[in-house]
């Protein structure tokens, strides 16, 4: 059993490959579905979640708290869905959300720009210059999104277990390579990788629960022990600890909560 994430640009055949891999392995194929689940789970309009995943901030700007919150919601919905294994996910952010999970096979599909431009021209009935501009802008936005939120370039090959170039390789070739890799012992679920997955899910659930009150928060978990780092005034440190703990303790699986409060800068007004 494994989880496969497929990162791809527009017109790189990633969707077709993902669907064929899922069919070959008998896995579920997941993409936009996770946005619908997050929309229902948190009662947030889907369009806001779409924008959070695709709209990177402008140069020198950071993601707003609203964008971070929606990405936090998407992350929880995604992790809860793939926790059961046997899933192929194609779309943005999958490789980020599953860091540290040993049975996750992370694949990047790339294709020549000229081939992608031709397909964009045919589909949208636009000129070559227009198609090239659209695709380059889309690629840039995807890379900027990862850099802004995670400090990671989605084009960095070291993020993936496999990078496949669709030109000499056909779609069927790519499917054979991915399904073969997914069956290797390295990508089978182990007790350790299962625990890593459960840790990510619990941390995501806690983060979603406390995000509105404490948006500048980092959460990790290990076998039910949850560690929360947040910020606040030094005089409210104990109150923050109690409030965060009370929110987190109500989540199934939480055994202990350890809260660390980084003091916010003191500004003298006298």
Protein backbone atom coordinates (compact mmCIF):
# COMPACT_ATOMS: atom_id res chain seq x y z
CA UNK A 1 0.00 0.00 0.00
CA UNK A 2 1.23 3.49 -0.76
CA UNK A 3 0.29 7.09 -1.52
CA UNK A 4 1.34 8.58 -4.85
CA UNK A 5 1.51 12.33 -5.44
CA UNK A 6 1.93 13.63 -8.97
CA UNK A 7 3.07 17.21 -9.46
CA UNK A 8 2.64 18.56 -12.96
CA UNK A 9 2.30 21.70 -15.00
CA UNK A 10 -0.50 22.48 -17.41
CA UNK A 11 -0.63 20.20 -20.49
CA UNK A 12 2.03 17.80 -19.22
CA UNK A 13 -0.32 14.77 -19.28
CA UNK A 14 -0.16 14.53 -15.48
CA UNK A 15 -3.91 14.10 -15.04
CA UNK A 16 -4.08 11.33 -17.63
CA UNK A 17 -1.09 9.57 -16.09
CA UNK A 18 -2.56 9.83 -12.58
CA UNK A 19 -5.88 8.35 -13.69
CA UNK A 20 -4.19 5.44 -15.48
CA UNK A 21 -1.87 4.72 -12.55
CA UNK A 22 -4.85 4.65 -10.19
CA UNK A 23 -6.74 2.31 -12.49
CA UNK A 24 -3.74 -0.03 -12.84
CA UNK A 25 -3.16 -0.22 -9.08
CA UNK A 26 -6.81 -0.19 -8.06
CA UNK A 27 -6.22 3.06 -6.14
CA UNK A 28 -8.49 6.07 -5.72
CA UNK A 29 -7.61 9.07 -7.92
CA UNK A 30 -7.89 12.39 -6.10
CA UNK A 31 -7.47 16.01 -7.17
CA UNK A 32 -10.03 18.79 -6.82
CA UNK A 33 -12.07 16.50 -4.58
CA UNK A 34 -9.96 17.54 -1.62
CA UNK A 35 -11.08 21.16 -2.06
CA UNK A 36 -14.72 20.08 -1.96
CA UNK A 37 -14.07 18.10 1.22
CA UNK A 38 -12.33 21.05 2.86
CA UNK A 39 -15.14 23.36 1.73
CA UNK A 40 -17.74 21.15 3.39
CA UNK A 41 -15.67 20.41 6.49
CA UNK A 42 -14.96 24.06 7.31
CA UNK A 43 -17.94 25.72 5.60
CA UNK A 44 -15.69 27.80 3.33
CA UNK A 45 -16.61 28.65 -0.29
CA UNK A 46 -14.60 26.47 -2.67
CA UNK A 47 -13.45 29.49 -4.70
CA UNK A 48 -11.56 30.82 -1.67
CA UNK A 49 -9.76 27.51 -1.30
CA UNK A 50 -8.91 27.48 -5.03
CA UNK A 51 -7.40 30.95 -4.76
CA UNK A 52 -5.41 29.97 -1.66
CA UNK A 53 -3.84 27.11 -3.62
CA UNK A 54 -3.16 29.00 -6.84
CA UNK A 55 -2.71 32.70 -6.03
CA UNK A 56 0.81 33.39 -4.82
CA UNK A 57 1.46 36.76 -3.14
CA UNK A 58 3.03 39.57 -5.11
CA UNK A 59 6.74 40.26 -4.89
CA UNK A 60 7.85 41.24 -1.36
CA UNK A 61 4.44 40.28 0.06
CA UNK A 62 3.62 37.33 2.28
CA UNK A 63 0.60 35.09 2.32
CA UNK A 64 -2.24 36.70 4.25
CA UNK A 65 -3.65 35.01 7.34
CA UNK A 66 -6.73 34.21 5.26
CA UNK A 67 -4.69 32.37 2.63
CA UNK A 68 -2.68 30.52 5.29
CA UNK A 69 -5.88 29.52 7.04
CA UNK A 70 -7.39 28.08 3.87
CA UNK A 71 -4.18 26.18 3.08
CA UNK A 72 -4.30 24.83 6.65
CA UNK A 73 -7.87 23.62 6.04
CA UNK A 74 -6.90 22.02 2.72
CA UNK A 75 -3.94 20.32 4.36
CA UNK A 76 -6.14 18.75 7.04
CA UNK A 77 -8.73 17.54 4.52
CA UNK A 78 -5.98 16.16 2.25
CA UNK A 79 -4.15 14.32 5.03
CA UNK A 80 -7.32 12.83 6.47
CA UNK A 81 -8.29 11.58 3.02
CA UNK A 82 -4.97 9.97 2.09
CA UNK A 83 -4.40 8.58 5.58
CA UNK A 84 -6.13 5.37 4.51
CA UNK A 85 -3.52 4.80 1.73
CA UNK A 86 -4.05 3.53 -1.83
CA UNK A 87 -4.52 7.02 -3.28
CA UNK A 88 -3.07 8.79 -6.32
CA UNK A 89 -3.21 12.58 -5.92
CA UNK A 90 -2.45 14.95 -8.78
CA UNK A 91 -2.29 18.65 -8.09
CA UNK A 92 -0.46 21.32 -6.14
CA UNK A 93 1.00 20.86 -2.64
CA UNK A 94 0.75 17.08 -2.21
CA UNK A 95 4.51 16.67 -1.94
CA UNK A 96 4.67 19.41 0.70
CA UNK A 97 1.93 17.96 2.87
CA UNK A 98 3.48 14.47 3.01
CA UNK A 99 7.02 15.33 4.05
CA UNK A 100 8.48 12.58 6.21
CA UNK A 101 6.00 9.86 5.15
CA UNK A 102 8.03 6.92 3.89
CA UNK A 103 5.27 5.21 1.90
CA UNK A 104 4.56 8.34 -0.17
CA UNK A 105 5.90 8.11 -3.73
CA UNK A 106 6.43 11.65 -5.02
CA UNK A 107 6.47 12.05 -8.80
CA UNK A 108 7.08 15.09 -10.99
CA UNK A 109 5.84 15.08 -14.60
CA UNK A 110 7.41 17.55 -17.02
CA UNK A 111 6.93 18.19 -20.74
CA UNK A 112 8.57 20.41 -23.35
CA UNK A 113 7.22 23.94 -23.41
CA UNK A 114 6.71 23.86 -27.19
CA UNK A 115 4.46 20.79 -26.89
CA UNK A 116 2.50 22.44 -24.10
CA UNK A 117 2.14 25.65 -26.10
CA UNK A 118 0.72 23.74 -29.05
CA UNK A 119 -1.90 22.07 -26.84
CA UNK A 120 -2.80 25.40 -25.20
CA UNK A 121 -3.25 26.99 -28.64
CA UNK A 122 -5.53 24.18 -29.78
CA UNK A 123 -7.65 24.16 -26.66
CA UNK A 124 -8.02 27.91 -26.12
CA UNK A 125 -7.84 28.94 -29.80
CA UNK A 126 -5.21 31.58 -29.09
CA UNK A 127 -1.94 32.64 -30.74
CA UNK A 128 1.42 31.05 -30.01
CA UNK A 129 2.62 34.16 -28.17
CA UNK A 130 -0.50 34.25 -26.01
CA UNK A 131 -0.25 30.54 -25.20
CA UNK A 132 3.42 30.81 -24.29
CA UNK A 133 2.71 33.80 -22.04
CA UNK A 134 -0.12 31.99 -20.24
CA UNK A 135 1.94 28.86 -19.59
CA UNK A 136 5.02 30.71 -18.42
CA UNK A 137 2.90 32.79 -16.05
CA UNK A 138 1.19 29.65 -14.70
CA UNK A 139 4.55 27.93 -14.14
CA UNK A 140 5.92 31.02 -12.40
CA UNK A 141 2.90 31.28 -10.09
CA UNK A 142 3.19 27.62 -9.08
CA UNK A 143 6.86 28.02 -8.21
CA UNK A 144 6.27 31.29 -6.36
CA UNK A 145 3.49 29.66 -4.32
CA UNK A 146 5.82 26.97 -2.98
CA UNK A 147 8.62 29.44 -2.32
CA UNK A 148 6.33 31.88 -0.50
CA UNK A 149 4.61 29.35 1.75
CA UNK A 150 7.26 26.67 2.26
CA UNK A 151 10.53 28.17 1.01
CA UNK A 152 10.74 25.31 -1.51
CA UNK A 153 10.93 25.47 -5.30
CA UNK A 154 8.45 23.03 -6.87
CA UNK A 155 10.86 22.64 -9.81
CA UNK A 156 13.59 21.28 -7.53
CA UNK A 157 14.10 17.65 -8.58
CA UNK A 158 15.35 16.69 -5.11
CA UNK A 159 11.78 17.04 -3.78
CA UNK A 160 10.69 14.00 -5.78
CA UNK A 161 11.44 10.30 -5.91
CA UNK A 162 10.94 10.29 -9.67
CA UNK A 163 10.97 12.96 -12.39
CA UNK A 164 9.56 11.86 -15.78
CA UNK A 165 9.88 13.82 -19.01
CA UNK A 166 6.96 13.18 -21.36
CA UNK A 167 8.42 13.23 -24.83
CA UNK A 168 10.51 10.18 -25.49
CA UNK A 169 8.56 8.61 -22.68
CA UNK A 170 4.90 8.10 -23.56
CA UNK A 171 2.02 8.28 -21.11
CA UNK A 172 1.93 4.48 -20.96
CA UNK A 173 5.69 4.37 -20.32
CA UNK A 174 5.25 6.75 -17.40
CA UNK A 175 2.38 4.68 -16.00
CA UNK A 176 4.52 1.51 -16.11
CA UNK A 177 7.43 3.21 -14.35
CA UNK A 178 5.26 4.70 -11.61
CA UNK A 179 3.27 1.53 -10.93
CA UNK A 180 6.51 -0.48 -10.79
CA UNK A 181 8.01 1.96 -8.27
CA UNK A 182 4.82 1.98 -6.18
CA UNK A 183 5.12 -1.79 -5.74
CA UNK A 184 8.72 -1.63 -4.49
CA UNK A 185 9.30 -2.44 -0.80
CA UNK A 186 10.58 1.12 -0.19
CA UNK A 187 7.10 2.57 -0.76
CA UNK A 188 5.05 0.08 1.25
CA UNK A 189 3.42 1.15 4.48
CA UNK A 190 5.37 0.24 7.62
CA UNK A 191 4.47 0.81 11.28
CA UNK A 192 6.97 3.69 11.29
CA UNK A 193 5.60 5.37 8.15
CA UNK A 194 2.04 4.84 9.40
CA UNK A 195 2.96 6.60 12.63
CA UNK A 196 4.52 9.47 10.67
CA UNK A 197 1.27 9.81 8.72
CA UNK A 198 -0.84 9.76 11.90
CA UNK A 199 1.43 12.40 13.43
CA UNK A 200 0.89 14.72 10.45
CA UNK A 201 -2.89 14.27 10.58
CA UNK A 202 -3.12 15.05 14.29
CA UNK A 203 -0.86 18.10 13.95
CA UNK A 204 -3.00 19.39 11.06
CA UNK A 205 -6.20 18.92 13.07
CA UNK A 206 -4.80 20.85 16.03
CA UNK A 207 -3.49 23.64 13.80
CA UNK A 208 -6.88 24.06 12.11
CA UNK A 209 -8.58 24.16 15.51
CA UNK A 210 -6.44 26.96 16.95
CA UNK A 211 -5.57 28.92 13.80
CA UNK A 212 -8.21 31.65 14.15
CA UNK A 213 -6.94 32.53 17.63
CA UNK A 214 -3.25 32.01 16.89
CA UNK A 215 -2.44 32.31 13.16
CA UNK A 216 1.33 32.46 13.72
CA UNK A 217 1.51 28.89 14.92
CA UNK A 218 3.63 25.83 14.24
CA UNK A 219 2.34 22.43 15.34
CA UNK A 220 3.95 19.01 15.43
CA UNK A 221 2.92 15.76 17.06
CA UNK A 222 4.44 12.43 18.00
CA UNK A 223 2.29 9.52 19.21
CA UNK A 224 -0.33 11.82 20.68
CA UNK A 225 2.07 14.34 22.22
CA UNK A 226 1.38 17.67 20.52
CA UNK A 227 3.90 20.51 20.54
CA UNK A 228 2.66 24.01 19.70
CA UNK A 229 4.82 27.07 19.05
CA UNK A 230 3.03 30.42 18.90
CA UNK A 231 3.56 34.08 19.75
CA UNK A 232 2.04 36.41 22.30
CA UNK A 233 2.70 39.07 24.95
CA UNK A 234 4.84 37.82 27.81
CA UNK A 235 2.22 38.79 30.40
CA UNK A 236 -0.35 36.55 28.67
CA UNK A 237 1.92 33.53 28.31
CA UNK A 238 0.10 31.35 30.85
CA UNK A 239 -3.35 32.30 29.54
CA UNK A 240 -2.27 31.42 25.99
CA UNK A 241 -0.95 28.06 27.13
CA UNK A 242 -4.24 27.24 28.86
CA UNK A 243 -6.37 28.36 25.92
CA UNK A 244 -4.36 26.42 23.32
CA UNK A 245 -4.34 23.33 25.53
CA UNK A 246 -8.09 23.46 26.09
CA UNK A 247 -8.74 23.63 22.32
CA UNK A 248 -6.34 20.82 21.51
CA UNK A 249 -7.33 18.46 24.29
CA UNK A 250 -10.78 18.01 22.76
CA UNK A 251 -9.35 16.42 19.60
CA UNK A 252 -9.35 12.59 19.56
CA UNK A 253 -5.85 11.16 19.82
CA UNK A 254 -4.32 14.06 21.77
CA UNK A 255 -2.65 12.73 24.92
CA UNK A 256 -0.59 15.72 25.96
CA UNK A 257 -0.15 19.31 24.78
CA UNK A 258 3.08 21.24 25.20
CA UNK A 259 2.76 24.93 24.37
CA UNK A 260 5.75 27.22 23.80
CA UNK A 261 5.03 30.95 23.57
CA UNK A 262 7.56 33.19 21.86
CA UNK A 263 7.24 36.70 23.33
CA UNK A 264 6.18 39.34 20.83
CA UNK A 265 8.31 42.46 20.60
CA UNK A 266 7.63 44.99 23.34
CA UNK A 267 7.05 48.53 22.10
CA UNK A 268 7.57 51.29 24.68
CA UNK A 269 4.90 53.97 24.29
CA UNK A 270 5.81 56.26 27.16
